[in-house]
Amino acid sequence: IKRSSLTKYKNILLKSNNYQAIDFYTGKVLQENDISVDHVIPWSFMYSDDIWNLVLTSKSNNSSKSNIIPSQGVIESLKERNVRLVKLINDSKYKDELLLAIENDYVDKFYLAMKI
């Protein structure tokens, strides 16, 4: 399966922090040349680029986490971010995708499936 570029998600993800590039994992401000879009639940478990599973992080954090299963705390933060983000975006495609994920608990379902 071929991976596609995640660059198109960057501006949408920036909305969750009032257009400030904040590292999802560390809370630190990211420099423009150090922004990476990351799958919280690793791509190798889902083979999908869904907005509800994507966050901004530094390039070094993204490459170092590889296929590591995230902690429950990270999963909770992702769910909170999704609720915040769905209120801020106007693009109907991504808004609908986020609403569907929230209503169907996709984050928890994929997280539990990954841990099995």
PDB file of N, CA and C in Angstrom:
ATOM      1  N   ILE A   1       0.851  -1.179   0.000  1.00  0.00           N
ATOM      2  CA  ILE A   1       0.000   0.000   0.000  1.00  0.00           C
ATOM      3  C   ILE A   1       0.889   1.231   0.000  1.00  0.00           C
ATOM      4  N   LYS A   2       0.597   2.152  -0.892  1.00  0.00           N
ATOM      5  CA  LYS A   2       1.406   3.351  -1.008  1.00  0.00           C
ATOM      6  C   LYS A   2       0.857   4.463  -0.108  1.00  0.00           C
ATOM      7  N   ARG A   3       1.759   5.106   0.627  1.00  0.00           N
ATOM      8  CA  ARG A   3       1.378   6.221   1.482  1.00  0.00           C
ATOM      9  C   ARG A   3       1.338   7.499   0.670  1.00  0.00           C
ATOM     10  N   SER A   4       0.406   8.375   1.009  1.00  0.00           N
ATOM     11  CA  SER A   4       0.314   9.659   0.318  1.00  0.00           C
ATOM     12  C   SER A   4       0.857  10.764   1.227  1.00  0.00           C
ATOM     13  N   SER A   5       1.085  11.911   0.656  1.00  0.00           N
ATOM     14  CA  SER A   5       1.597  13.045   1.406  1.00  0.00           C
ATOM     15  C   SER A   5       0.536  13.552   2.381  1.00  0.00           C
ATOM     16  N   LEU A   6       0.974  13.903   3.573  1.00  0.00           N
ATOM     17  CA  LEU A   6       0.056  14.409   4.596  1.00  0.00           C
ATOM     18  C   LEU A   6       0.068  15.926   4.673  1.00  0.00           C
ATOM     19  N   THR A   7       0.816  16.557   3.801  1.00  0.00           N
ATOM     20  CA  THR A   7       0.959  18.014   3.821  1.00  0.00           C
ATOM     21  C   THR A   7      -0.383  18.721   3.722  1.00  0.00           C
ATOM     22  N   LYS A   8      -1.309  18.156   2.976  1.00  0.00           N
ATOM     23  CA  LYS A   8      -2.608  18.800   2.778  1.00  0.00           C
ATOM     24  C   LYS A   8      -3.396  18.941   4.082  1.00  0.00           C
ATOM     25  N   TYR A   9      -3.042  18.191   5.109  1.00  0.00           N
ATOM     26  CA  TYR A   9      -3.743  18.257   6.390  1.00  0.00           C
ATOM     27  C   TYR A   9      -3.187  19.324   7.334  1.00  0.00           C
ATOM     28  N   LYS A  10      -2.026  19.832   7.022  1.00  0.00           N
ATOM     29  CA  LYS A  10      -1.329  20.755   7.928  1.00  0.00           C
ATOM     30  C   LYS A  10      -2.174  21.965   8.313  1.00  0.00           C
ATOM     31  N   ASN A  11      -2.731  22.671   7.335  1.00  0.00           N
ATOM     32  CA  ASN A  11      -3.501  23.879   7.642  1.00  0.00           C
ATOM     33  C   ASN A  11      -4.756  23.578   8.452  1.00  0.00           C
ATOM     34  N   ILE A  12      -5.369  22.464   8.186  1.00  0.00           N
ATOM     35  CA  ILE A  12      -6.554  22.080   8.960  1.00  0.00           C
ATOM     36  C   ILE A  12      -6.156  21.804  10.409  1.00  0.00           C
ATOM     37  N   LEU A  13      -5.062  21.096  10.598  1.00  0.00           N
ATOM     38  CA  LEU A  13      -4.600  20.774  11.946  1.00  0.00           C
ATOM     39  C   LEU A  13      -4.129  22.005  12.708  1.00  0.00           C
ATOM     40  N   LEU A  14      -3.633  22.995  11.998  1.00  0.00           N
ATOM     41  CA  LEU A  14      -3.211  24.238  12.649  1.00  0.00           C
ATOM     42  C   LEU A  14      -4.393  24.950  13.311  1.00  0.00           C
ATOM     43  N   LYS A  15      -5.588  24.744  12.806  1.00  0.00           N
ATOM     44  CA  LYS A  15      -6.776  25.381  13.372  1.00  0.00           C
ATOM     45  C   LYS A  15      -7.029  24.955  14.817  1.00  0.00           C
ATOM     46  N   SER A  16      -6.609  23.753  15.188  1.00  0.00           N
ATOM     47  CA  SER A  16      -6.882  23.279  16.547  1.00  0.00           C
ATOM     48  C   SER A  16      -6.129  24.079  17.600  1.00  0.00           C
ATOM     49  N   ASN A  17      -5.126  24.847  17.199  1.00  0.00           N
ATOM     50  CA  ASN A  17      -4.362  25.684  18.127  1.00  0.00           C
ATOM     51  C   ASN A  17      -4.293  27.132  17.645  1.00  0.00           C
ATOM     52  N   ASN A  18      -5.398  27.619  17.085  1.00  0.00           N
ATOM     53  CA  ASN A  18      -5.463  29.001  16.596  1.00  0.00           C
ATOM     54  C   ASN A  18      -4.315  29.343  15.655  1.00  0.00           C
ATOM     55  N   TYR A  19      -4.024  28.432  14.751  1.00  0.00           N
ATOM     56  CA  TYR A  19      -2.994  28.599  13.728  1.00  0.00           C
ATOM     57  C   TYR A  19      -1.583  28.708  14.293  1.00  0.00           C
ATOM     58  N   GLN A  20      -1.396  28.216  15.506  1.00  0.00           N
ATOM     59  CA  GLN A  20      -0.047  28.106  16.057  1.00  0.00           C
ATOM     60  C   GLN A  20       0.379  26.661  15.903  1.00  0.00           C
ATOM     61  N   ALA A  21       1.601  26.445  15.465  1.00  0.00           N
ATOM     62  CA  ALA A  21       2.114  25.088  15.293  1.00  0.00           C
ATOM     63  C   ALA A  21       2.621  24.598  16.649  1.00  0.00           C
ATOM     64  N   ILE A  22       1.780  23.834  17.338  1.00  0.00           N
ATOM     65  CA  ILE A  22       2.109  23.299  18.655  1.00  0.00           C
ATOM     66  C   ILE A  22       2.289  21.789  18.522  1.00  0.00           C
ATOM     67  N   ASP A  23       3.392  21.285  19.047  1.00  0.00           N
ATOM     68  CA  ASP A  23       3.652  19.848  19.025  1.00  0.00           C
ATOM     69  C   ASP A  23       2.613  19.143  19.891  1.00  0.00           C
ATOM     70  N   PHE A  24       1.880  18.228  19.300  1.00  0.00           N
ATOM     71  CA  PHE A  24       0.822  17.504  20.006  1.00  0.00           C
ATOM     72  C   PHE A  24       1.357  16.752  21.215  1.00  0.00           C
ATOM     73  N   TYR A  25       2.547  16.212  21.121  1.00  0.00           N
ATOM     74  CA  TYR A  25       3.099  15.370  22.178  1.00  0.00           C
ATOM     75  C   TYR A  25       3.821  16.156  23.270  1.00  0.00           C
ATOM     76  N   THR A  26       4.448  17.267  22.920  1.00  0.00           N
ATOM     77  CA  THR A  26       5.256  18.003  23.907  1.00  0.00           C
ATOM     78  C   THR A  26       4.655  19.341  24.318  1.00  0.00           C
ATOM     79  N   GLY A  27       3.751  19.875  23.506  1.00  0.00           N
ATOM     80  CA  GLY A  27       3.166  21.178  23.789  1.00  0.00           C
ATOM     81  C   GLY A  27       4.065  22.344  23.417  1.00  0.00           C
ATOM     82  N   LYS A  28       5.216  22.060  22.834  1.00  0.00           N
ATOM     83  CA  LYS A  28       6.152  23.121  22.447  1.00  0.00           C
ATOM     84  C   LYS A  28       5.776  23.703  21.085  1.00  0.00           C
ATOM     85  N   VAL A  29       6.095  24.990  20.915  1.00  0.00           N
ATOM     86  CA  VAL A  29       5.873  25.645  19.627  1.00  0.00           C
ATOM     87  C   VAL A  29       6.873  25.093  18.614  1.00  0.00           C
ATOM     88  N   LEU A  30       6.374  24.785  17.438  1.00  0.00           N
ATOM     89  CA  LEU A  30       7.209  24.235  16.370  1.00  0.00           C
ATOM     90  C   LEU A  30       7.635  25.338  15.415  1.00  0.00           C
ATOM     91  N   GLN A  31       8.848  25.233  14.929  1.00  0.00           N
ATOM     92  CA  GLN A  31       9.323  26.125  13.883  1.00  0.00           C
ATOM     93  C   GLN A  31       8.718  25.676  12.555  1.00  0.00           C
ATOM     94  N   GLU A  32       8.492  26.615  11.670  1.00  0.00           N
ATOM     95  CA  GLU A  32       7.854  26.318  10.389  1.00  0.00           C
ATOM     96  C   GLU A  32       8.558  25.186   9.628  1.00  0.00           C
ATOM     97  N   ASN A  33       9.871  25.132   9.701  1.00  0.00           N
ATOM     98  CA  ASN A  33      10.620  24.108   8.970  1.00  0.00           C
ATOM     99  C   ASN A  33      10.741  22.783   9.737  1.00  0.00           C
ATOM    100  N   ASP A  34      10.073  22.686  10.879  1.00  0.00           N
ATOM    101  CA  ASP A  34      10.154  21.470  11.692  1.00  0.00           C
ATOM    102  C   ASP A  34       8.775  20.868  11.960  1.00  0.00           C
ATOM    103  N   ILE A  35       7.812  21.160  11.117  1.00  0.00           N
ATOM    104  CA  ILE A  35       6.451  20.656  11.316  1.00  0.00           C
ATOM    105  C   ILE A  35       6.256  19.375  10.521  1.00  0.00           C
ATOM    106  N   SER A  36       5.760  18.363  11.201  1.00  0.00           N
ATOM    107  CA  SER A  36       5.459  17.089  10.560  1.00  0.00           C
ATOM    108  C   SER A  36       4.036  16.674  10.944  1.00  0.00           C
ATOM    109  N   VAL A  37       3.319  16.076  10.015  1.00  0.00           N
ATOM    110  CA  VAL A  37       1.994  15.540  10.300  1.00  0.00           C
ATOM    111  C   VAL A  37       2.183  14.060  10.638  1.00  0.00           C
ATOM    112  N   ASP A  38       1.640  13.669  11.783  1.00  0.00           N
ATOM    113  CA  ASP A  38       1.893  12.328  12.316  1.00  0.00           C
ATOM    114  C   ASP A  38       0.595  11.569  12.556  1.00  0.00           C
ATOM    115  N   HIS A  39       0.645  10.271  12.372  1.00  0.00           N
ATOM    116  CA  HIS A  39      -0.454   9.374  12.740  1.00  0.00           C
ATOM    117  C   HIS A  39      -0.279   9.008  14.215  1.00  0.00           C
ATOM    118  N   VAL A  40      -1.257   9.295  15.053  1.00  0.00           N
ATOM    119  CA  VAL A  40      -1.165   8.898  16.464  1.00  0.00           C
ATOM    120  C   VAL A  40      -1.208   7.377  16.544  1.00  0.00           C
ATOM    121  N   ILE A  41      -2.242   6.796  15.976  1.00  0.00           N
ATOM    122  CA  ILE A  41      -2.275   5.340  15.824  1.00  0.00           C
ATOM    123  C   ILE A  41      -1.481   5.079  14.549  1.00  0.00           C
ATOM    124  N   PRO A  42      -0.360   4.399  14.663  1.00  0.00           N
ATOM    125  CA  PRO A  42       0.546   4.265  13.515  1.00  0.00           C
ATOM    126  C   PRO A  42      -0.136   3.791  12.231  1.00  0.00           C
ATOM    127  N   TRP A  43       0.316   4.367  11.133  1.00  0.00           N
ATOM    128  CA  TRP A  43      -0.217   4.041   9.817  1.00  0.00           C
ATOM    129  C   TRP A  43      -0.146   2.532   9.556  1.00  0.00           C
ATOM    130  N   SER A  44       0.870   1.896  10.067  1.00  0.00           N
ATOM    131  CA  SER A  44       1.044   0.455   9.825  1.00  0.00           C
ATOM    132  C   SER A  44      -0.076  -0.385  10.451  1.00  0.00           C
ATOM    133  N   PHE A  45      -0.844   0.204  11.380  1.00  0.00           N
ATOM    134  CA  PHE A  45      -1.973  -0.508  11.971  1.00  0.00           C
ATOM    135  C   PHE A  45      -3.281  -0.197  11.248  1.00  0.00           C
ATOM    136  N   MET A  46      -3.349   0.958  10.556  1.00  0.00           N
ATOM    137  CA  MET A  46      -4.603   1.389   9.948  1.00  0.00           C
ATOM    138  C   MET A  46      -4.551   1.462   8.428  1.00  0.00           C
ATOM    139  N   TYR A  47      -3.382   1.762   7.860  1.00  0.00           N
ATOM    140  CA  TYR A  47      -3.223   1.974   6.417  1.00  0.00           C
ATOM    141  C   TYR A  47      -4.204   3.014   5.895  1.00  0.00           C
ATOM    142  N   SER A  48      -4.399   4.065   6.693  1.00  0.00           N
ATOM    143  CA  SER A  48      -5.341   5.108   6.311  1.00  0.00           C
ATOM    144  C   SER A  48      -4.896   6.453   6.865  1.00  0.00           C
ATOM    145  N   ASP A  49      -5.176   7.508   6.116  1.00  0.00           N
ATOM    146  CA  ASP A  49      -4.852   8.872   6.537  1.00  0.00           C
ATOM    147  C   ASP A  49      -6.150   9.593   6.883  1.00  0.00           C
ATOM    148  N   ASP A  50      -6.625   9.400   8.085  1.00  0.00           N
ATOM    149  CA  ASP A  50      -7.865  10.030   8.514  1.00  0.00           C
ATOM    150  C   ASP A  50      -7.550  11.200   9.438  1.00  0.00           C
ATOM    151  N   ILE A  51      -8.231  12.312   9.218  1.00  0.00           N
ATOM    152  CA  ILE A  51      -7.955  13.536   9.966  1.00  0.00           C
ATOM    153  C   ILE A  51      -8.064  13.332  11.477  1.00  0.00           C
ATOM    154  N   TRP A  52      -8.945  12.449  11.905  1.00  0.00           N
ATOM    155  CA  TRP A  52      -9.128  12.234  13.344  1.00  0.00           C
ATOM    156  C   TRP A  52      -7.923  11.544  13.991  1.00  0.00           C
ATOM    157  N   ASN A  53      -7.024  11.018  13.199  1.00  0.00           N
ATOM    158  CA  ASN A  53      -5.848  10.314  13.711  1.00  0.00           C
ATOM    159  C   ASN A  53      -4.552  11.068  13.420  1.00  0.00           C
ATOM    160  N   LEU A  54      -4.650  12.268  12.873  1.00  0.00           N
ATOM    161  CA  LEU A  54      -3.464  13.025  12.488  1.00  0.00           C
ATOM    162  C   LEU A  54      -3.238  14.220  13.413  1.00  0.00           C
ATOM    163  N   VAL A  55      -1.974  14.457  13.738  1.00  0.00           N
ATOM    164  CA  VAL A  55      -1.589  15.572  14.613  1.00  0.00           C
ATOM    165  C   VAL A  55      -0.297  16.198  14.093  1.00  0.00           C
ATOM    166  N   LEU A  56       0.014  17.378  14.608  1.00  0.00           N
ATOM    167  CA  LEU A  56       1.276  18.029  14.290  1.00  0.00           C
ATOM    168  C   LEU A  56       2.310  17.680  15.350  1.00  0.00           C
ATOM    169  N   THR A  57       3.520  17.434  14.908  1.00  0.00           N
ATOM    170  CA  THR A  57       4.628  17.172  15.816  1.00  0.00           C
ATOM    171  C   THR A  57       5.913  17.600  15.105  1.00  0.00           C
ATOM    172  N   SER A  58       7.009  17.499  15.816  1.00  0.00           N
ATOM    173  CA  SER A  58       8.293  17.823  15.179  1.00  0.00           C
ATOM    174  C   SER A  58       8.713  16.652  14.293  1.00  0.00           C
ATOM    175  N   LYS A  59       9.579  16.940  13.362  1.00  0.00           N
ATOM    176  CA  LYS A  59      10.079  15.885  12.477  1.00  0.00           C
ATOM    177  C   LYS A  59      10.798  14.808  13.263  1.00  0.00           C
ATOM    178  N   SER A  60      11.568  15.205  14.274  1.00  0.00           N
ATOM    179  CA  SER A  60      12.305  14.211  15.068  1.00  0.00           C
ATOM    180  C   SER A  60      11.360  13.345  15.899  1.00  0.00           C
ATOM    181  N   ASN A  61      10.305  13.938  16.479  1.00  0.00           N
ATOM    182  CA  ASN A  61       9.326  13.128  17.227  1.00  0.00           C
ATOM    183  C   ASN A  61       8.639  12.139  16.304  1.00  0.00           C
ATOM    184  N   ASN A  62       8.284  12.596  15.128  1.00  0.00           N
ATOM    185  CA  ASN A  62       7.584  11.731  14.189  1.00  0.00           C
ATOM    186  C   ASN A  62       8.445  10.533  13.792  1.00  0.00           C
ATOM    187  N   SER A  63       9.695  10.782  13.482  1.00  0.00           N
ATOM    188  CA  SER A  63      10.542   9.674  13.048  1.00  0.00           C
ATOM    189  C   SER A  63      10.943   8.757  14.199  1.00  0.00           C
ATOM    190  N   SER A  64      11.046   9.292  15.398  1.00  0.00           N
ATOM    191  CA  SER A  64      11.483   8.451  16.521  1.00  0.00           C
ATOM    192  C   SER A  64      10.365   7.576  17.081  1.00  0.00           C
ATOM    193  N   LYS A  65       9.108   7.958  16.906  1.00  0.00           N
ATOM    194  CA  LYS A  65       8.035   7.155  17.495  1.00  0.00           C
ATOM    195  C   LYS A  65       7.703   5.936  16.654  1.00  0.00           C
ATOM    196  N   SER A  66       7.992   5.977  15.390  1.00  0.00           N
ATOM    197  CA  SER A  66       7.850   4.825  14.514  1.00  0.00           C
ATOM    198  C   SER A  66       6.486   4.164  14.693  1.00  0.00           C
ATOM    199  N   ASN A  67       6.452   2.875  15.017  1.00  0.00           N
ATOM    200  CA  ASN A  67       5.208   2.131  15.178  1.00  0.00           C
ATOM    201  C   ASN A  67       4.859   1.876  16.634  1.00  0.00           C
ATOM    202  N   ILE A  68       5.331   2.725  17.514  1.00  0.00           N
ATOM    203  CA  ILE A  68       5.077   2.562  18.948  1.00  0.00           C
ATOM    204  C   ILE A  68       3.603   2.822  19.240  1.00  0.00           C
ATOM    205  N   ILE A  69       3.017   1.951  20.044  1.00  0.00           N
ATOM    206  CA  ILE A  69       1.627   2.112  20.456  1.00  0.00           C
ATOM    207  C   ILE A  69       1.552   3.272  21.440  1.00  0.00           C
ATOM    208  N   PRO A  70       0.664   4.253  21.191  1.00  0.00           N
ATOM    209  CA  PRO A  70       0.576   5.406  22.084  1.00  0.00           C
ATOM    210  C   PRO A  70      -0.008   5.033  23.446  1.00  0.00           C
ATOM    211  N   SER A  71       0.247   5.876  24.425  1.00  0.00           N
ATOM    212  CA  SER A  71      -0.301   5.651  25.772  1.00  0.00           C
ATOM    213  C   SER A  71      -1.784   6.017  25.793  1.00  0.00           C
ATOM    214  N   GLN A  72      -2.458   5.597  26.832  1.00  0.00           N
ATOM    215  CA  GLN A  72      -3.871   5.941  27.011  1.00  0.00           C
ATOM    216  C   GLN A  72      -4.029   7.459  27.127  1.00  0.00           C
ATOM    217  N   GLY A  73      -3.069   8.129  27.766  1.00  0.00           N
ATOM    218  CA  GLY A  73      -3.115   9.582  27.887  1.00  0.00           C
ATOM    219  C   GLY A  73      -3.077  10.274  26.529  1.00  0.00           C
ATOM    220  N   VAL A  74      -2.255   9.778  25.633  1.00  0.00           N
ATOM    221  CA  VAL A  74      -2.174  10.338  24.280  1.00  0.00           C
ATOM    222  C   VAL A  74      -3.501  10.127  23.553  1.00  0.00           C
ATOM    223  N   ILE A  75      -4.092   8.976  23.738  1.00  0.00           N
ATOM    224  CA  ILE A  75      -5.382   8.675  23.113  1.00  0.00           C
ATOM    225  C   ILE A  75      -6.461   9.625  23.632  1.00  0.00           C
ATOM    226  N   GLU A  76      -6.467   9.867  24.926  1.00  0.00           N
ATOM    227  CA  GLU A  76      -7.443  10.805  25.507  1.00  0.00           C
ATOM    228  C   GLU A  76      -7.227  12.211  24.959  1.00  0.00           C
ATOM    229  N   SER A  77      -5.977  12.621  24.827  1.00  0.00           N
ATOM    230  CA  SER A  77      -5.673  13.941  24.257  1.00  0.00           C
ATOM    231  C   SER A  77      -6.143  14.035  22.811  1.00  0.00           C
ATOM    232  N   LEU A  78      -6.000  12.963  22.058  1.00  0.00           N
ATOM    233  CA  LEU A  78      -6.457  12.941  20.671  1.00  0.00           C
ATOM    234  C   LEU A  78      -7.976  13.097  20.609  1.00  0.00           C
ATOM    235  N   LYS A  79      -8.689  12.412  21.458  1.00  0.00           N
ATOM    236  CA  LYS A  79     -10.147  12.522  21.473  1.00  0.00           C
ATOM    237  C   LYS A  79     -10.578  13.947  21.823  1.00  0.00           C
ATOM    238  N   GLU A  80      -9.916  14.568  22.786  1.00  0.00           N
ATOM    239  CA  GLU A  80     -10.221  15.953  23.154  1.00  0.00           C
ATOM    240  C   GLU A  80      -9.918  16.900  21.998  1.00  0.00           C
ATOM    241  N   ARG A  81      -8.792  16.692  21.336  1.00  0.00           N
ATOM    242  CA  ARG A  81      -8.428  17.521  20.184  1.00  0.00           C
ATOM    243  C   ARG A  81      -9.465  17.402  19.078  1.00  0.00           C
ATOM    244  N   ASN A  82      -9.963  16.189  18.842  1.00  0.00           N
ATOM    245  CA  ASN A  82     -10.952  15.991  17.786  1.00  0.00           C
ATOM    246  C   ASN A  82     -12.236  16.760  18.073  1.00  0.00           C
ATOM    247  N   VAL A  83     -12.673  16.769  19.321  1.00  0.00           N
ATOM    248  CA  VAL A  83     -13.872  17.518  19.704  1.00  0.00           C
ATOM    249  C   VAL A  83     -13.645  19.013  19.488  1.00  0.00           C
ATOM    250  N   ARG A  84     -12.467  19.488  19.840  1.00  0.00           N
ATOM    251  CA  ARG A  84     -12.116  20.900  19.648  1.00  0.00           C
ATOM    252  C   ARG A  84     -12.036  21.246  18.160  1.00  0.00           C
ATOM    253  N   LEU A  85     -11.393  20.381  17.388  1.00  0.00           N
ATOM    254  CA  LEU A  85     -11.167  20.640  15.969  1.00  0.00           C
ATOM    255  C   LEU A  85     -12.465  20.641  15.165  1.00  0.00           C
ATOM    256  N   VAL A  86     -13.378  19.754  15.479  1.00  0.00           N
ATOM    257  CA  VAL A  86     -14.627  19.672  14.701  1.00  0.00           C
ATOM    258  C   VAL A  86     -15.425  20.969  14.822  1.00  0.00           C
ATOM    259  N   LYS A  87     -15.265  21.684  15.918  1.00  0.00           N
ATOM    260  CA  LYS A  87     -15.968  22.958  16.107  1.00  0.00           C
ATOM    261  C   LYS A  87     -15.321  24.094  15.325  1.00  0.00           C
ATOM    262  N   LEU A  88     -14.066  23.918  14.909  1.00  0.00           N
ATOM    263  CA  LEU A  88     -13.313  24.998  14.283  1.00  0.00           C
ATOM    264  C   LEU A  88     -13.223  24.924  12.768  1.00  0.00           C
ATOM    265  N   ILE A  89     -13.474  23.772  12.200  1.00  0.00           N
ATOM    266  CA  ILE A  89     -13.271  23.647  10.757  1.00  0.00           C
ATOM    267  C   ILE A  89     -14.581  23.820   9.991  1.00  0.00           C
ATOM    268  N   ASN A  90     -14.446  24.340   8.789  1.00  0.00           N
ATOM    269  CA  ASN A  90     -15.606  24.580   7.933  1.00  0.00           C
ATOM    270  C   ASN A  90     -15.679  23.614   6.763  1.00  0.00           C
ATOM    271  N   ASP A  91     -14.559  22.983   6.431  1.00  0.00           N
ATOM    272  CA  ASP A  91     -14.519  22.060   5.308  1.00  0.00           C
ATOM    273  C   ASP A  91     -15.432  20.868   5.609  1.00  0.00           C
ATOM    274  N   SER A  92     -16.498  20.725   4.845  1.00  0.00           N
ATOM    275  CA  SER A  92     -17.499  19.707   5.162  1.00  0.00           C
ATOM    276  C   SER A  92     -16.952  18.285   5.114  1.00  0.00           C
ATOM    277  N   LYS A  93     -16.019  18.024   4.222  1.00  0.00           N
ATOM    278  CA  LYS A  93     -15.453  16.671   4.128  1.00  0.00           C
ATOM    279  C   LYS A  93     -14.768  16.276   5.434  1.00  0.00           C
ATOM    280  N   TYR A  94     -13.902  17.145   5.938  1.00  0.00           N
ATOM    281  CA  TYR A  94     -13.170  16.822   7.158  1.00  0.00           C
ATOM    282  C   TYR A  94     -14.051  16.935   8.401  1.00  0.00           C
ATOM    283  N   LYS A  95     -14.970  17.855   8.383  1.00  0.00           N
ATOM    284  CA  LYS A  95     -15.897  18.001   9.501  1.00  0.00           C
ATOM    285  C   LYS A  95     -16.748  16.734   9.626  1.00  0.00           C
ATOM    286  N   ASP A  96     -17.277  16.257   8.493  1.00  0.00           N
ATOM    287  CA  ASP A  96     -18.089  15.033   8.503  1.00  0.00           C
ATOM    288  C   ASP A  96     -17.270  13.831   8.960  1.00  0.00           C
ATOM    289  N   GLU A  97     -16.021  13.766   8.501  1.00  0.00           N
ATOM    290  CA  GLU A  97     -15.137  12.664   8.902  1.00  0.00           C
ATOM    291  C   GLU A  97     -14.893  12.682  10.411  1.00  0.00           C
ATOM    292  N   LEU A  98     -14.646  13.870  10.956  1.00  0.00           N
ATOM    293  CA  LEU A  98     -14.428  14.001  12.399  1.00  0.00           C
ATOM    294  C   LEU A  98     -15.681  13.656  13.191  1.00  0.00           C
ATOM    295  N   LEU A  99     -16.817  14.157  12.752  1.00  0.00           N
ATOM    296  CA  LEU A  99     -18.076  13.851  13.447  1.00  0.00           C
ATOM    297  C   LEU A  99     -18.359  12.356  13.456  1.00  0.00           C
ATOM    298  N   LEU A 100     -18.142  11.714  12.335  1.00  0.00           N
ATOM    299  CA  LEU A 100     -18.353  10.267  12.246  1.00  0.00           C
ATOM    300  C   LEU A 100     -17.417   9.530  13.205  1.00  0.00           C
ATOM    301  N   ALA A 101     -16.168   9.967  13.255  1.00  0.00           N
ATOM    302  CA  ALA A 101     -15.192   9.326  14.147  1.00  0.00           C
ATOM    303  C   ALA A 101     -15.565   9.519  15.608  1.00  0.00           C
ATOM    304  N   ILE A 102     -16.009  10.715  15.953  1.00  0.00           N
ATOM    305  CA  ILE A 102     -16.401  10.993  17.339  1.00  0.00           C
ATOM    306  C   ILE A 102     -17.636  10.185  17.718  1.00  0.00           C
ATOM    307  N   GLU A 103     -18.658  10.230  16.868  1.00  0.00           N
ATOM    308  CA  GLU A 103     -19.913   9.520  17.147  1.00  0.00           C
ATOM    309  C   GLU A 103     -19.731   8.014  17.246  1.00  0.00           C
ATOM    310  N   ASN A 104     -18.759   7.469  16.512  1.00  0.00           N
ATOM    311  CA  ASN A 104     -18.552   6.015  16.500  1.00  0.00           C
ATOM    312  C   ASN A 104     -17.338   5.556  17.298  1.00  0.00           C
ATOM    313  N   ASP A 105     -16.747   6.459  18.071  1.00  0.00           N
ATOM    314  CA  ASP A 105     -15.602   6.134  18.931  1.00  0.00           C
ATOM    315  C   ASP A 105     -14.465   5.452  18.178  1.00  0.00           C
ATOM    316  N   TYR A 106     -14.147   5.949  16.975  1.00  0.00           N
ATOM    317  CA  TYR A 106     -13.089   5.345  16.177  1.00  0.00           C
ATOM    318  C   TYR A 106     -11.749   5.330  16.904  1.00  0.00           C
ATOM    319  N   VAL A 107     -11.436   6.393  17.622  1.00  0.00           N
ATOM    320  CA  VAL A 107     -10.133   6.448  18.294  1.00  0.00           C
ATOM    321  C   VAL A 107     -10.010   5.271  19.256  1.00  0.00           C
ATOM    322  N   ASP A 108     -11.012   5.093  20.118  1.00  0.00           N
ATOM    323  CA  ASP A 108     -10.962   3.984  21.084  1.00  0.00           C
ATOM    324  C   ASP A 108     -10.993   2.630  20.399  1.00  0.00           C
ATOM    325  N   LYS A 109     -11.824   2.490  19.376  1.00  0.00           N
ATOM    326  CA  LYS A 109     -11.946   1.198  18.701  1.00  0.00           C
ATOM    327  C   LYS A 109     -10.640   0.787  18.019  1.00  0.00           C
ATOM    328  N   PHE A 110     -10.011   1.715  17.311  1.00  0.00           N
ATOM    329  CA  PHE A 110      -8.746   1.387  16.648  1.00  0.00           C
ATOM    330  C   PHE A 110      -7.631   1.189  17.667  1.00  0.00           C
ATOM    331  N   TYR A 111      -7.662   1.960  18.744  1.00  0.00           N
ATOM    332  CA  TYR A 111      -6.655   1.815  19.795  1.00  0.00           C
ATOM    333  C   TYR A 111      -6.748   0.440  20.451  1.00  0.00           C
ATOM    334  N   LEU A 112      -7.961   0.024  20.786  1.00  0.00           N
ATOM    335  CA  LEU A 112      -8.132  -1.301  21.395  1.00  0.00           C
ATOM    336  C   LEU A 112      -7.764  -2.416  20.434  1.00  0.00           C
ATOM    337  N   ALA A 113      -8.139  -2.275  19.169  1.00  0.00           N
ATOM    338  CA  ALA A 113      -7.797  -3.295  18.171  1.00  0.00           C
ATOM    339  C   ALA A 113      -6.291  -3.399  17.992  1.00  0.00           C
ATOM    340  N   MET A 114      -5.619  -2.275  18.071  1.00  0.00           N
ATOM    341  CA  MET A 114      -4.165  -2.260  17.898  1.00  0.00           C
ATOM    342  C   MET A 114      -3.469  -2.964  19.068  1.00  0.00           C
ATOM    343  N   LYS A 115      -4.040  -2.830  20.249  1.00  0.00           N
ATOM    344  CA  LYS A 115      -3.413  -3.415  21.439  1.00  0.00           C
ATOM    345  C   LYS A 115      -3.615  -4.916  21.548  1.00  0.00           C
ATOM    346  N   ILE A 116      -4.563  -5.450  20.795  1.00  0.00           N
ATOM    347  CA  ILE A 116      -4.869  -6.899  20.870  1.00  0.00           C
ATOM    348  C   ILE A 116      -3.798  -7.701  20.176  1.00  0.00           C
TER     349      ILE A 116
END
